[in-house]
Protein backbone atom coordinates (compact mmCIF):
# COMPACT_ATOMS: atom_id res chain seq x y z
CA UNK A 1 121.09 111.50 106.57
CA UNK A 2 122.56 109.77 103.54
CA UNK A 3 125.30 107.21 104.15
CA UNK A 4 127.78 106.82 101.33
CA UNK A 5 129.49 103.68 102.55
CA UNK A 6 132.85 105.39 101.96
CA UNK A 7 135.39 104.94 104.72
CA UNK A 8 137.99 107.65 105.03
CA UNK A 9 141.49 106.17 105.18
CA UNK A 10 143.15 106.65 108.55
CA UNK A 11 146.32 108.65 108.12
CA UNK A 12 148.56 109.78 110.97
CA UNK A 13 149.65 113.13 109.57
CA UNK A 14 152.52 113.30 112.07
CA UNK A 15 154.07 110.02 110.95
CA UNK A 16 152.72 109.66 107.44
CA UNK A 17 154.99 108.35 104.73
CA UNK A 18 153.41 107.38 101.48
CA UNK A 19 154.95 106.21 98.26
CA UNK A 20 154.81 107.10 94.60
CA UNK A 21 154.30 104.65 91.73
CA UNK A 22 155.29 106.47 88.52
CA UNK A 23 153.98 104.68 85.40
CA UNK A 24 155.59 106.10 82.28
CA UNK A 25 155.68 105.33 78.58
CA UNK A 26 154.66 106.88 75.28
CA UNK A 27 151.12 107.80 74.27
CA UNK A 28 149.05 104.65 73.82
CA UNK A 29 151.38 102.43 75.87
CA UNK A 30 148.64 101.58 78.37
CA UNK A 31 149.73 103.76 81.31
CA UNK A 32 146.25 104.87 82.36
CA UNK A 33 144.76 101.42 81.82
CA UNK A 34 147.41 99.77 84.00
CA UNK A 35 147.19 102.53 86.62
CA UNK A 36 143.40 102.13 86.91
CA UNK A 37 143.64 98.35 87.31
CA UNK A 38 146.50 98.66 89.82
CA UNK A 39 144.68 101.31 91.87
CA UNK A 40 141.55 99.13 91.98
CA UNK A 41 143.61 96.23 93.33
CA UNK A 42 145.38 98.42 95.90
CA UNK A 43 142.05 99.81 97.09
CA UNK A 44 140.64 96.30 97.41
CA UNK A 45 143.69 95.51 99.60
CA UNK A 46 142.83 98.49 101.81
CA UNK A 47 145.55 100.90 100.67
CA UNK A 48 144.85 104.62 100.87
CA UNK A 49 145.64 105.43 97.25
CA UNK A 50 145.33 108.44 94.95
CA UNK A 51 145.48 108.11 91.18
CA UNK A 52 146.73 110.94 88.98
CA UNK A 53 146.66 110.96 85.20
CA UNK A 54 148.81 113.25 83.07
CA UNK A 55 145.97 113.84 80.60
CA UNK A 56 143.80 115.24 83.40
CA UNK A 57 146.63 117.07 85.17
CA UNK A 58 147.47 119.09 82.05
CA UNK A 59 144.10 120.80 82.37
CA UNK A 60 144.48 121.22 86.15
CA UNK A 61 147.79 123.02 85.65
CA UNK A 62 146.40 125.14 82.81
CA UNK A 63 148.35 123.50 80.01
CA UNK A 64 145.47 122.64 77.70
CA UNK A 65 145.93 120.92 74.38
CA UNK A 66 145.22 124.25 72.65
CA UNK A 67 148.47 125.72 73.96
CA UNK A 68 151.28 124.42 71.76
CA UNK A 69 153.99 126.00 73.95
CA UNK A 70 153.15 123.48 76.65
CA UNK A 71 153.79 120.54 74.35
CA UNK A 72 157.42 121.34 73.53
CA UNK A 73 160.26 119.92 75.61
CA UNK A 74 160.49 122.83 78.06
CA UNK A 75 156.74 123.04 78.64
CA UNK A 76 156.48 119.30 79.17
CA UNK A 77 159.46 119.32 81.53
CA UNK A 78 157.87 122.06 83.65
CA UNK A 79 154.60 120.08 83.79
CA UNK A 80 156.40 116.86 84.71
CA UNK A 81 158.13 118.62 87.59
CA UNK A 82 154.78 120.02 88.75
CA UNK A 83 153.36 116.50 88.68
CA UNK A 84 156.33 115.24 90.72
CA UNK A 85 155.91 117.97 93.34
CA UNK A 86 152.18 117.22 93.60
CA UNK A 87 152.98 113.53 94.10
CA UNK A 88 155.39 114.47 96.89
CA UNK A 89 152.77 116.57 98.70
CA UNK A 90 150.15 113.82 98.52
CA UNK A 91 152.55 111.01 99.46
CA UNK A 92 153.75 113.04 102.46
CA UNK A 93 150.23 112.65 103.82
CA UNK A 94 150.52 108.87 103.86
CA UNK A 95 148.94 108.01 100.54
CA UNK A 96 150.20 105.72 97.83
CA UNK A 97 150.17 107.90 94.71
CA UNK A 98 149.88 106.16 91.35
CA UNK A 99 150.55 108.47 88.42
CA UNK A 100 150.25 107.68 84.71
CA UNK A 101 152.28 110.17 82.69
CA UNK A 102 154.63 110.32 79.72
CA UNK A 103 157.17 112.62 81.45
CA UNK A 104 160.15 110.89 79.83
CA UNK A 105 162.93 113.20 81.01
CA UNK A 106 166.10 112.10 82.80
CA UNK A 107 165.90 115.22 85.00
CA UNK A 108 162.47 114.18 86.24
CA UNK A 109 163.49 110.56 86.83
CA UNK A 110 166.53 111.71 88.83
CA UNK A 111 164.54 114.24 90.87
CA UNK A 112 161.85 111.67 91.61
CA UNK A 113 164.37 109.10 92.79
CA UNK A 114 165.97 111.62 95.14
CA UNK A 115 162.83 113.30 96.48
CA UNK A 116 159.78 111.05 96.29
CA UNK A 117 159.13 108.63 99.16
CA UNK A 118 158.99 104.95 98.23
CA UNK A 119 159.53 105.84 94.57
CA UNK A 120 158.74 102.96 92.21
CA UNK A 121 159.19 103.63 88.49
CA UNK A 122 157.52 101.51 85.83
CA UNK A 123 158.35 101.94 82.16
CA UNK A 124 155.92 100.52 79.61
CA UNK A 125 158.11 99.90 76.58
CA UNK A 126 155.88 99.41 73.56
CA UNK A 127 157.14 99.42 69.94
CA UNK A 128 156.12 102.42 67.83
CA UNK A 129 154.30 100.13 65.36
CA UNK A 130 152.04 98.92 68.18
CA UNK A 131 151.50 102.46 69.51
CA UNK A 132 150.48 103.59 66.02
CA UNK A 133 148.13 100.61 65.71
CA UNK A 134 146.44 101.42 69.05
CA UNK A 135 146.47 105.24 68.78
CA UNK A 136 143.48 105.75 71.14
CA UNK A 137 143.67 109.56 70.94
CA UNK A 138 144.51 109.79 67.24
CA UNK A 139 147.84 111.43 68.08
CA UNK A 140 149.96 109.41 65.66
CA UNK A 141 147.40 109.70 62.86
CA UNK A 142 147.25 113.50 63.31
CA UNK A 143 151.06 113.68 63.41
CA UNK A 144 151.30 111.75 60.13
CA UNK A 145 148.73 114.11 58.59
CA UNK A 146 150.81 117.13 59.64
CA UNK A 147 148.11 118.33 62.04
CA UNK A 148 150.11 117.79 65.22
CA UNK A 149 153.65 118.53 66.33
CA UNK A 150 155.71 117.91 69.48
CA UNK A 151 154.76 114.25 69.74
CA UNK A 152 156.90 112.41 72.28
CA UNK A 153 158.95 109.70 70.59
CA UNK A 154 158.53 111.19 67.11
CA UNK A 155 159.57 114.83 66.67
CA UNK A 156 160.07 115.33 70.41
CA UNK A 157 163.00 113.40 71.83
CA UNK A 158 162.51 111.37 74.98
CA UNK A 159 164.77 109.91 77.64
CA UNK A 160 163.97 106.29 78.32
CA UNK A 161 164.34 105.62 82.04
CA UNK A 162 167.84 104.39 82.78
CA UNK A 163 167.02 102.91 86.16
CA UNK A 164 163.33 101.98 86.08
CA UNK A 165 162.36 99.58 88.84
CA UNK A 166 160.37 97.56 86.35
CA UNK A 167 160.53 97.69 82.55
CA UNK A 168 157.48 96.10 80.96
CA UNK A 169 158.34 94.90 77.46
CA UNK A 170 155.33 94.70 75.16
CA UNK A 171 153.80 91.24 74.93
CA UNK A 172 150.57 90.93 72.93
CA UNK A 173 149.70 87.69 74.75
CA UNK A 174 149.88 89.14 78.26
CA UNK A 175 146.41 90.18 79.47
CA UNK A 176 145.89 93.20 81.72
CA UNK A 177 144.99 90.96 84.67
CA UNK A 178 148.36 89.19 84.44
CA UNK A 179 150.21 92.49 84.07
CA UNK A 180 148.40 93.86 87.12
CA UNK A 181 149.27 90.72 89.12
CA UNK A 182 152.92 91.10 88.09
CA UNK A 183 152.91 94.76 89.10
CA UNK A 184 151.44 93.92 92.50
CA UNK A 185 154.11 91.25 92.95
CA UNK A 186 156.91 93.74 92.15
CA UNK A 187 155.29 96.43 94.30
CA UNK A 188 154.98 94.23 97.39
CA UNK A 189 158.29 92.43 96.84
CA UNK A 190 160.32 95.65 97.05
CA UNK A 191 158.73 96.37 100.43
CA UNK A 192 160.12 93.10 101.78
CA UNK A 193 163.70 93.88 100.82
């Protein structure tokens, strides 16, 4: 018999209440990078945690990059609500759900606040010049070349969160480790209130 060393988190399904950490921002803001670092730290602290990434969830929900109808406002709003409902189902089983997604819609933020347990919203606010400089997926370059449309923050309007629990203003001198430490501090601090 092969032993994996993996220990299944103990979850009392009758009394389980998880929480949802919703990391949002424009493409290239660092959502997935921060989510991965945060999840690693939570796991090292013994938290039962599930990470979801909007880039991966689009394929799961059948909204591939080839389908332009899914990249307009209505298509993105439907996807964001599907993500929110998935987070609710997972959190209801006692897990901390960390999701990295653009999903910059006031309707989604309001629904999340009213329906997701332990909802904690983080907005990574990065200037467009920096996003264009980073451009890890070539989205901004392809937009400028006329190859891509429905880009959040450019030709697709967004709603910046009006009540984010933590707004992270871009600071080029702040390393990921410090940002992760700050996020952990905010995450644990709200539990003490």
